[in-house]
Amino acid sequence: SALSELEEALSQGVLGQRRKILGAAVSTALVELR
């Protein structure tokens, strides 16, 4: 059915991007905090 390939693409594109966005926001805040 190839459903796993779609699930993998969603995992890579969506969740990886969200972590990068959150990580960038936290990195900026940590610089100010330090």
PDB file of all heavy atoms in Angstrom:
ATOM      1  N   SER A   1       0.821  -1.218   0.000  1.00  0.00           N
ATOM      2  CA  SER A   1       0.000   0.000   0.000  1.00  0.00           C
ATOM      3  C   SER A   1       0.851   1.263   0.000  1.00  0.00           C
ATOM      4  O   SER A   1       0.369   2.348  -0.332  1.00  0.00           O
ATOM      5  CB  SER A   1      -0.916   0.022   1.229  1.00  0.00           C
ATOM      6  OG  SER A   1      -0.167   0.314   2.406  1.00  0.00           O
ATOM      7  N   ALA A   2       2.134   1.118   0.400  1.00  0.00           N
ATOM      8  CA  ALA A   2       3.092   2.242   0.451  1.00  0.00           C
ATOM      9  C   ALA A   2       2.690   3.308   1.466  1.00  0.00           C
ATOM     10  O   ALA A   2       3.189   4.438   1.413  1.00  0.00           O
ATOM     11  CB  ALA A   2       3.272   2.868  -0.939  1.00  0.00           C
ATOM     12  N   LEU A   3       1.812   2.960   2.402  1.00  0.00           N
ATOM     13  CA  LEU A   3       1.388   3.932   3.407  1.00  0.00           C
ATOM     14  C   LEU A   3       2.557   4.362   4.295  1.00  0.00           C
ATOM     15  O   LEU A   3       2.645   5.521   4.720  1.00  0.00           O
ATOM     16  CB  LEU A   3       0.268   3.332   4.266  1.00  0.00           C
ATOM     17  CG  LEU A   3      -0.397   4.272   5.275  1.00  0.00           C
ATOM     18  CD1 LEU A   3      -1.119   5.407   4.559  1.00  0.00           C
ATOM     19  CD2 LEU A   3      -1.376   3.499   6.164  1.00  0.00           C
ATOM     20  N   SER A   4       3.476   3.431   4.556  1.00  0.00           N
ATOM     21  CA  SER A   4       4.624   3.744   5.414  1.00  0.00           C
ATOM     22  C   SER A   4       5.501   4.836   4.807  1.00  0.00           C
ATOM     23  O   SER A   4       6.088   5.650   5.535  1.00  0.00           O
ATOM     24  CB  SER A   4       5.460   2.485   5.659  1.00  0.00           C
ATOM     25  OG  SER A   4       4.701   1.495   6.308  1.00  0.00           O
ATOM     26  N   GLU A   5       5.624   4.855   3.461  1.00  0.00           N
ATOM     27  CA  GLU A   5       6.430   5.890   2.807  1.00  0.00           C
ATOM     28  C   GLU A   5       5.835   7.281   3.053  1.00  0.00           C
ATOM     29  O   GLU A   5       6.553   8.255   3.283  1.00  0.00           O
ATOM     30  CB  GLU A   5       6.517   5.626   1.298  1.00  0.00           C
ATOM     31  CG  GLU A   5       7.545   4.585   0.884  1.00  0.00           C
ATOM     32  CD  GLU A   5       7.130   3.161   1.228  1.00  0.00           C
ATOM     33  OE1 GLU A   5       5.968   2.967   1.632  1.00  0.00           O
ATOM     34  OE2 GLU A   5       7.959   2.239   1.093  1.00  0.00           O
ATOM     35  N   LEU A   6       4.509   7.376   3.023  1.00  0.00           N
ATOM     36  CA  LEU A   6       3.857   8.658   3.299  1.00  0.00           C
ATOM     37  C   LEU A   6       4.056   9.064   4.753  1.00  0.00           C
ATOM     38  O   LEU A   6       4.354  10.230   5.051  1.00  0.00           O
ATOM     39  CB  LEU A   6       2.359   8.567   2.987  1.00  0.00           C
ATOM     40  CG  LEU A   6       1.516   9.801   3.353  1.00  0.00           C
ATOM     41  CD1 LEU A   6       2.021  11.039   2.630  1.00  0.00           C
ATOM     42  CD2 LEU A   6       0.044   9.560   3.052  1.00  0.00           C
ATOM     43  N   GLU A   7       3.917   8.111   5.661  1.00  0.00           N
ATOM     44  CA  GLU A   7       4.106   8.412   7.082  1.00  0.00           C
ATOM     45  C   GLU A   7       5.533   8.885   7.347  1.00  0.00           C
ATOM     46  O   GLU A   7       5.768   9.805   8.131  1.00  0.00           O
ATOM     47  CB  GLU A   7       3.781   7.184   7.929  1.00  0.00           C
ATOM     48  CG  GLU A   7       2.305   6.809   7.898  1.00  0.00           C
ATOM     49  CD  GLU A   7       1.991   5.625   8.796  1.00  0.00           C
ATOM     50  OE1 GLU A   7       2.896   4.792   9.015  1.00  0.00           O
ATOM     51  OE2 GLU A   7       0.850   5.519   9.267  1.00  0.00           O
ATOM     52  N   GLU A   8       6.494   8.256   6.674  1.00  0.00           N
ATOM     53  CA  GLU A   8       7.890   8.655   6.841  1.00  0.00           C
ATOM     54  C   GLU A   8       8.106  10.073   6.319  1.00  0.00           C
ATOM     55  O   GLU A   8       8.793  10.885   6.943  1.00  0.00           O
ATOM     56  CB  GLU A   8       8.793   7.670   6.094  1.00  0.00           C
ATOM     57  CG  GLU A   8      10.292   7.958   6.225  1.00  0.00           C
ATOM     58  CD  GLU A   8      10.830   7.700   7.621  1.00  0.00           C
ATOM     59  OE1 GLU A   8      10.095   7.124   8.450  1.00  0.00           O
ATOM     60  OE2 GLU A   8      11.976   8.090   7.886  1.00  0.00           O
ATOM     61  N   ALA A   9       7.506  10.404   5.174  1.00  0.00           N
ATOM     62  CA  ALA A   9       7.646  11.749   4.605  1.00  0.00           C
ATOM     63  C   ALA A   9       7.037  12.800   5.529  1.00  0.00           C
ATOM     64  O   ALA A   9       7.597  13.895   5.709  1.00  0.00           O
ATOM     65  CB  ALA A   9       6.982  11.802   3.233  1.00  0.00           C
ATOM     66  N   LEU A  10       5.887  12.488   6.123  1.00  0.00           N
ATOM     67  CA  LEU A  10       5.267  13.409   7.076  1.00  0.00           C
ATOM     68  C   LEU A  10       6.162  13.613   8.295  1.00  0.00           C
ATOM     69  O   LEU A  10       6.331  14.735   8.777  1.00  0.00           O
ATOM     70  CB  LEU A  10       3.903  12.868   7.523  1.00  0.00           C
ATOM     71  CG  LEU A  10       2.723  13.076   6.573  1.00  0.00           C
ATOM     72  CD1 LEU A  10       1.513  12.294   7.054  1.00  0.00           C
ATOM     73  CD2 LEU A  10       2.387  14.552   6.458  1.00  0.00           C
ATOM     74  N   SER A  11       6.745  12.524   8.785  1.00  0.00           N
ATOM     75  CA  SER A  11       7.630  12.607   9.949  1.00  0.00           C
ATOM     76  C   SER A  11       8.825  13.502   9.660  1.00  0.00           C
ATOM     77  O   SER A  11       9.182  14.378  10.454  1.00  0.00           O
ATOM     78  CB  SER A  11       8.121  11.214  10.350  1.00  0.00           C
ATOM     79  OG  SER A  11       7.042  10.371  10.672  1.00  0.00           O
ATOM     80  N   GLN A  12       9.440  13.280   8.508  1.00  0.00           N
ATOM     81  CA  GLN A  12      10.637  14.037   8.151  1.00  0.00           C
ATOM     82  C   GLN A  12      10.322  15.509   7.960  1.00  0.00           C
ATOM     83  O   GLN A  12      10.988  16.379   8.511  1.00  0.00           O
ATOM     84  CB  GLN A  12      11.239  13.474   6.865  1.00  0.00           C
ATOM     85  CG  GLN A  12      11.784  12.069   6.997  1.00  0.00           C
ATOM     86  CD  GLN A  12      12.067  11.442   5.646  1.00  0.00           C
ATOM     87  OE1 GLN A  12      11.852  12.048   4.614  1.00  0.00           O
ATOM     88  NE2 GLN A  12      12.563  10.220   5.663  1.00  0.00           N
ATOM     89  N   GLY A  13       9.299  15.791   7.173  1.00  0.00           N
ATOM     90  CA  GLY A  13       9.005  17.177   6.814  1.00  0.00           C
ATOM     91  C   GLY A  13       8.408  17.982   7.937  1.00  0.00           C
ATOM     92  O   GLY A  13       8.840  19.092   8.220  1.00  0.00           O
ATOM     93  N   VAL A  14       7.410  17.430   8.626  1.00  0.00           N
ATOM     94  CA  VAL A  14       6.669  18.197   9.618  1.00  0.00           C
ATOM     95  C   VAL A  14       7.423  18.299  10.939  1.00  0.00           C
ATOM     96  O   VAL A  14       7.711  19.380  11.433  1.00  0.00           O
ATOM     97  CB  VAL A  14       5.282  17.557   9.875  1.00  0.00           C
ATOM     98  CG1 VAL A  14       4.495  18.393  10.863  1.00  0.00           C
ATOM     99  CG2 VAL A  14       4.523  17.437   8.575  1.00  0.00           C
ATOM    100  N   LEU A  15       7.748  17.147  11.520  1.00  0.00           N
ATOM    101  CA  LEU A  15       8.309  17.154  12.867  1.00  0.00           C
ATOM    102  C   LEU A  15       9.727  17.702  12.893  1.00  0.00           C
ATOM    103  O   LEU A  15      10.107  18.424  13.819  1.00  0.00           O
ATOM    104  CB  LEU A  15       8.259  15.743  13.455  1.00  0.00           C
ATOM    105  CG  LEU A  15       6.847  15.133  13.474  1.00  0.00           C
ATOM    106  CD1 LEU A  15       6.859  13.777  14.147  1.00  0.00           C
ATOM    107  CD2 LEU A  15       5.883  16.065  14.199  1.00  0.00           C
ATOM    108  N   GLY A  16      10.523  17.367  11.865  1.00  0.00           N
ATOM    109  CA  GLY A  16      11.873  17.926  11.817  1.00  0.00           C
ATOM    110  C   GLY A  16      11.836  19.438  11.733  1.00  0.00           C
ATOM    111  O   GLY A  16      12.595  20.140  12.405  1.00  0.00           O
ATOM    112  N   GLN A  17      10.908  19.957  10.928  1.00  0.00           N
ATOM    113  CA  GLN A  17      10.783  21.406  10.785  1.00  0.00           C
ATOM    114  C   GLN A  17      10.334  22.052  12.092  1.00  0.00           C
ATOM    115  O   GLN A  17      10.846  23.095  12.484  1.00  0.00           O
ATOM    116  CB  GLN A  17       9.771  21.722   9.678  1.00  0.00           C
ATOM    117  CG  GLN A  17       9.645  23.209   9.370  1.00  0.00           C
ATOM    118  CD  GLN A  17       8.518  23.493   8.401  1.00  0.00           C
ATOM    119  OE1 GLN A  17       7.396  23.042   8.595  1.00  0.00           O
ATOM    120  NE2 GLN A  17       8.811  24.227   7.351  1.00  0.00           N
ATOM    121  N   ARG A  18       9.372  21.436  12.789  1.00  0.00           N
ATOM    122  CA  ARG A  18       8.897  22.018  14.047  1.00  0.00           C
ATOM    123  C   ARG A  18      10.012  22.083  15.080  1.00  0.00           C
ATOM    124  O   ARG A  18      10.140  23.063  15.805  1.00  0.00           O
ATOM    125  CB  ARG A  18       7.736  21.190  14.609  1.00  0.00           C
ATOM    126  CG  ARG A  18       6.463  21.240  13.809  1.00  0.00           C
ATOM    127  CD  ARG A  18       6.054  22.649  13.479  1.00  0.00           C
ATOM    128  NE  ARG A  18       5.698  23.435  14.637  1.00  0.00           N
ATOM    129  CZ  ARG A  18       5.575  24.747  14.634  1.00  0.00           C
ATOM    130  NH1 ARG A  18       5.806  25.433  13.529  1.00  0.00           N
ATOM    131  NH2 ARG A  18       5.238  25.399  15.722  1.00  0.00           N
ATOM    132  N   ARG A  19      10.824  21.043  15.150  1.00  0.00           N
ATOM    133  CA  ARG A  19      11.928  21.068  16.121  1.00  0.00           C
ATOM    134  C   ARG A  19      12.920  22.171  15.787  1.00  0.00           C
ATOM    135  O   ARG A  19      13.453  22.846  16.673  1.00  0.00           O
ATOM    136  CB  ARG A  19      12.641  19.717  16.141  1.00  0.00           C
ATOM    137  CG  ARG A  19      11.851  18.634  16.855  1.00  0.00           C
ATOM    138  CD  ARG A  19      12.734  17.443  17.175  1.00  0.00           C
ATOM    139  NE  ARG A  19      11.970  16.349  17.745  1.00  0.00           N
ATOM    140  CZ  ARG A  19      12.514  15.233  18.210  1.00  0.00           C
ATOM    141  NH1 ARG A  19      13.810  15.075  18.155  1.00  0.00           N
ATOM    142  NH2 ARG A  19      11.767  14.277  18.723  1.00  0.00           N
ATOM    143  N   LYS A  20      13.176  22.363  14.501  1.00  0.00           N
ATOM    144  CA  LYS A  20      14.109  23.421  14.111  1.00  0.00           C
ATOM    145  C   LYS A  20      13.571  24.796  14.468  1.00  0.00           C
ATOM    146  O   LYS A  20      14.305  25.668  14.941  1.00  0.00           O
ATOM    147  CB  LYS A  20      14.389  23.334  12.608  1.00  0.00           C
ATOM    148  CG  LYS A  20      15.283  22.162  12.219  1.00  0.00           C
ATOM    149  CD  LYS A  20      15.529  22.112  10.718  1.00  0.00           C
ATOM    150  CE  LYS A  20      16.420  20.923  10.351  1.00  0.00           C
ATOM    151  NZ  LYS A  20      16.638  20.824   8.893  1.00  0.00           N
ATOM    152  N   ILE A  21      12.263  25.004  14.247  1.00  0.00           N
ATOM    153  CA  ILE A  21      11.654  26.290  14.573  1.00  0.00           C
ATOM    154  C   ILE A  21      11.697  26.540  16.076  1.00  0.00           C
ATOM    155  O   ILE A  21      12.089  27.617  16.540  1.00  0.00           O
ATOM    156  CB  ILE A  21      10.202  26.342  14.056  1.00  0.00           C
ATOM    157  CG1 ILE A  21      10.190  26.369  12.524  1.00  0.00           C
ATOM    158  CG2 ILE A  21       9.466  27.559  14.605  1.00  0.00           C
ATOM    159  CD1 ILE A  21       8.810  26.230  11.915  1.00  0.00           C
ATOM    160  N   LEU A  22      11.297  25.540  16.853  1.00  0.00           N
ATOM    161  CA  LEU A  22      11.335  25.679  18.312  1.00  0.00           C
ATOM    162  C   LEU A  22      12.772  25.848  18.794  1.00  0.00           C
ATOM    163  O   LEU A  22      13.052  26.655  19.684  1.00  0.00           O
ATOM    164  CB  LEU A  22      10.700  24.459  18.978  1.00  0.00           C
ATOM    165  CG  LEU A  22       9.180  24.305  18.816  1.00  0.00           C
ATOM    166  CD1 LEU A  22       8.724  22.971  19.393  1.00  0.00           C
ATOM    167  CD2 LEU A  22       8.449  25.447  19.500  1.00  0.00           C
ATOM    168  N   GLY A  23      13.682  25.083  18.186  1.00  0.00           N
ATOM    169  CA  GLY A  23      15.088  25.169  18.580  1.00  0.00           C
ATOM    170  C   GLY A  23      15.670  26.544  18.320  1.00  0.00           C
ATOM    171  O   GLY A  23      16.430  27.083  19.138  1.00  0.00           O
ATOM    172  N   ALA A  24      15.309  27.146  17.183  1.00  0.00           N
ATOM    173  CA  ALA A  24      15.810  28.482  16.858  1.00  0.00           C
ATOM    174  C   ALA A  24      15.300  29.505  17.867  1.00  0.00           C
ATOM    175  O   ALA A  24      16.045  30.389  18.311  1.00  0.00           O
ATOM    176  CB  ALA A  24      15.379  28.867  15.445  1.00  0.00           C
ATOM    177  N   ALA A  25      14.008  29.389  18.246  1.00  0.00           N
ATOM    178  CA  ALA A  25      13.437  30.321  19.228  1.00  0.00           C
ATOM    179  C   ALA A  25      14.128  30.179  20.579  1.00  0.00           C
ATOM    180  O   ALA A  25      14.455  31.179  21.239  1.00  0.00           O
ATOM    181  CB  ALA A  25      11.935  30.065  19.372  1.00  0.00           C
ATOM    182  N   VAL A  26      14.396  28.938  20.979  1.00  0.00           N
ATOM    183  CA  VAL A  26      15.046  28.700  22.266  1.00  0.00           C
ATOM    184  C   VAL A  26      16.500  29.174  22.235  1.00  0.00           C
ATOM    185  O   VAL A  26      16.996  29.767  23.202  1.00  0.00           O
ATOM    186  CB  VAL A  26      14.978  27.200  22.640  1.00  0.00           C
ATOM    187  CG1 VAL A  26      15.803  26.921  23.883  1.00  0.00           C
ATOM    188  CG2 VAL A  26      13.539  26.786  22.869  1.00  0.00           C
ATOM    189  N   SER A  27      17.198  28.938  21.133  1.00  0.00           N
ATOM    190  CA  SER A  27      18.598  29.365  21.018  1.00  0.00           C
ATOM    191  C   SER A  27      18.716  30.872  21.191  1.00  0.00           C
ATOM    192  O   SER A  27      19.597  31.369  21.908  1.00  0.00           O
ATOM    193  CB  SER A  27      19.168  28.958  19.653  1.00  0.00           C
ATOM    194  OG  SER A  27      19.236  27.558  19.542  1.00  0.00           O
ATOM    195  N   THR A  28      17.812  31.624  20.539  1.00  0.00           N
ATOM    196  CA  THR A  28      17.821  33.083  20.670  1.00  0.00           C
ATOM    197  C   THR A  28      17.583  33.495  22.112  1.00  0.00           C
ATOM    198  O   THR A  28      18.262  34.380  22.642  1.00  0.00           O
ATOM    199  CB  THR A  28      16.727  33.697  19.774  1.00  0.00           C
ATOM    200  OG1 THR A  28      16.959  33.314  18.414  1.00  0.00           O
ATOM    201  CG2 THR A  28      16.735  35.208  19.868  1.00  0.00           C
ATOM    202  N   ALA A  29      16.606  32.842  22.760  1.00  0.00           N
ATOM    203  CA  ALA A  29      16.299  33.174  24.152  1.00  0.00           C
ATOM    204  C   ALA A  29      17.473  32.840  25.072  1.00  0.00           C
ATOM    205  O   ALA A  29      17.769  33.584  26.016  1.00  0.00           O
ATOM    206  CB  ALA A  29      15.051  32.430  24.602  1.00  0.00           C
ATOM    207  N   LEU A  30      18.159  31.720  24.804  1.00  0.00           N
ATOM    208  CA  LEU A  30      19.287  31.329  25.652  1.00  0.00           C
ATOM    209  C   LEU A  30      20.444  32.310  25.539  1.00  0.00           C
ATOM    210  O   LEU A  30      21.138  32.593  26.525  1.00  0.00           O
ATOM    211  CB  LEU A  30      19.757  29.923  25.287  1.00  0.00           C
ATOM    212  CG  LEU A  30      18.902  28.765  25.799  1.00  0.00           C
ATOM    213  CD1 LEU A  30      19.450  27.442  25.310  1.00  0.00           C
ATOM    214  CD2 LEU A  30      18.849  28.771  27.323  1.00  0.00           C
ATOM    215  N   VAL A  31      20.672  32.837  24.345  1.00  0.00           N
ATOM    216  CA  VAL A  31      21.727  33.845  24.170  1.00  0.00           C
ATOM    217  C   VAL A  31      21.421  35.067  25.026  1.00  0.00           C
ATOM    218  O   VAL A  31      22.289  35.592  25.735  1.00  0.00           O
ATOM    219  CB  VAL A  31      21.850  34.235  22.682  1.00  0.00           C
ATOM    220  CG1 VAL A  31      22.745  35.469  22.525  1.00  0.00           C
ATOM    221  CG2 VAL A  31      22.423  33.081  21.871  1.00  0.00           C
ATOM    222  N   GLU A  32      20.156  35.533  24.975  1.00  0.00           N
ATOM    223  CA  GLU A  32      19.755  36.686  25.784  1.00  0.00           C
ATOM    224  C   GLU A  32      19.847  36.362  27.272  1.00  0.00           C
ATOM    225  O   GLU A  32      20.295  37.190  28.069  1.00  0.00           O
ATOM    226  CB  GLU A  32      18.332  37.100  25.427  1.00  0.00           C
ATOM    227  CG  GLU A  32      18.174  37.655  24.018  1.00  0.00           C
ATOM    228  CD  GLU A  32      16.755  38.109  23.749  1.00  0.00           C
ATOM    229  OE1 GLU A  32      15.972  38.199  24.719  1.00  0.00           O
ATOM    230  OE2 GLU A  32      16.424  38.364  22.577  1.00  0.00           O
ATOM    231  N   LEU A  33      19.418  35.164  27.631  1.00  0.00           N
ATOM    232  CA  LEU A  33      19.437  34.760  29.031  1.00  0.00           C
ATOM    233  C   LEU A  33      20.862  34.731  29.577  1.00  0.00           C
ATOM    234  O   LEU A  33      21.143  35.260  30.659  1.00  0.00           O
ATOM    235  CB  LEU A  33      18.784  33.387  29.144  1.00  0.00           C
ATOM    236  CG  LEU A  33      18.624  32.760  30.523  1.00  0.00           C
ATOM    237  CD1 LEU A  33      17.353  31.930  30.569  1.00  0.00           C
ATOM    238  CD2 LEU A  33      19.806  31.860  30.853  1.00  0.00           C
ATOM    239  N   ARG A  34      21.761  34.113  28.833  1.00  0.00           N
ATOM    240  CA  ARG A  34      23.156  34.041  29.277  1.00  0.00           C
ATOM    241  C   ARG A  34      23.765  35.435  29.382  1.00  0.00           C
ATOM    242  O   ARG A  34      24.508  35.746  30.317  1.00  0.00           O
ATOM    243  CB  ARG A  34      23.964  33.193  28.296  1.00  0.00           C
ATOM    244  CG  ARG A  34      23.766  31.696  28.481  1.00  0.00           C
ATOM    245  CD  ARG A  34      24.481  30.927  27.390  1.00  0.00           C
ATOM    246  NE  ARG A  34      24.753  29.555  27.772  1.00  0.00           N
ATOM    247  CZ  ARG A  34      25.181  28.629  26.940  1.00  0.00           C
ATOM    248  NH1 ARG A  34      25.374  28.928  25.669  1.00  0.00           N
ATOM    249  NH2 ARG A  34      25.418  27.402  27.353  1.00  0.00           N
TER     250      ARG A  34
END
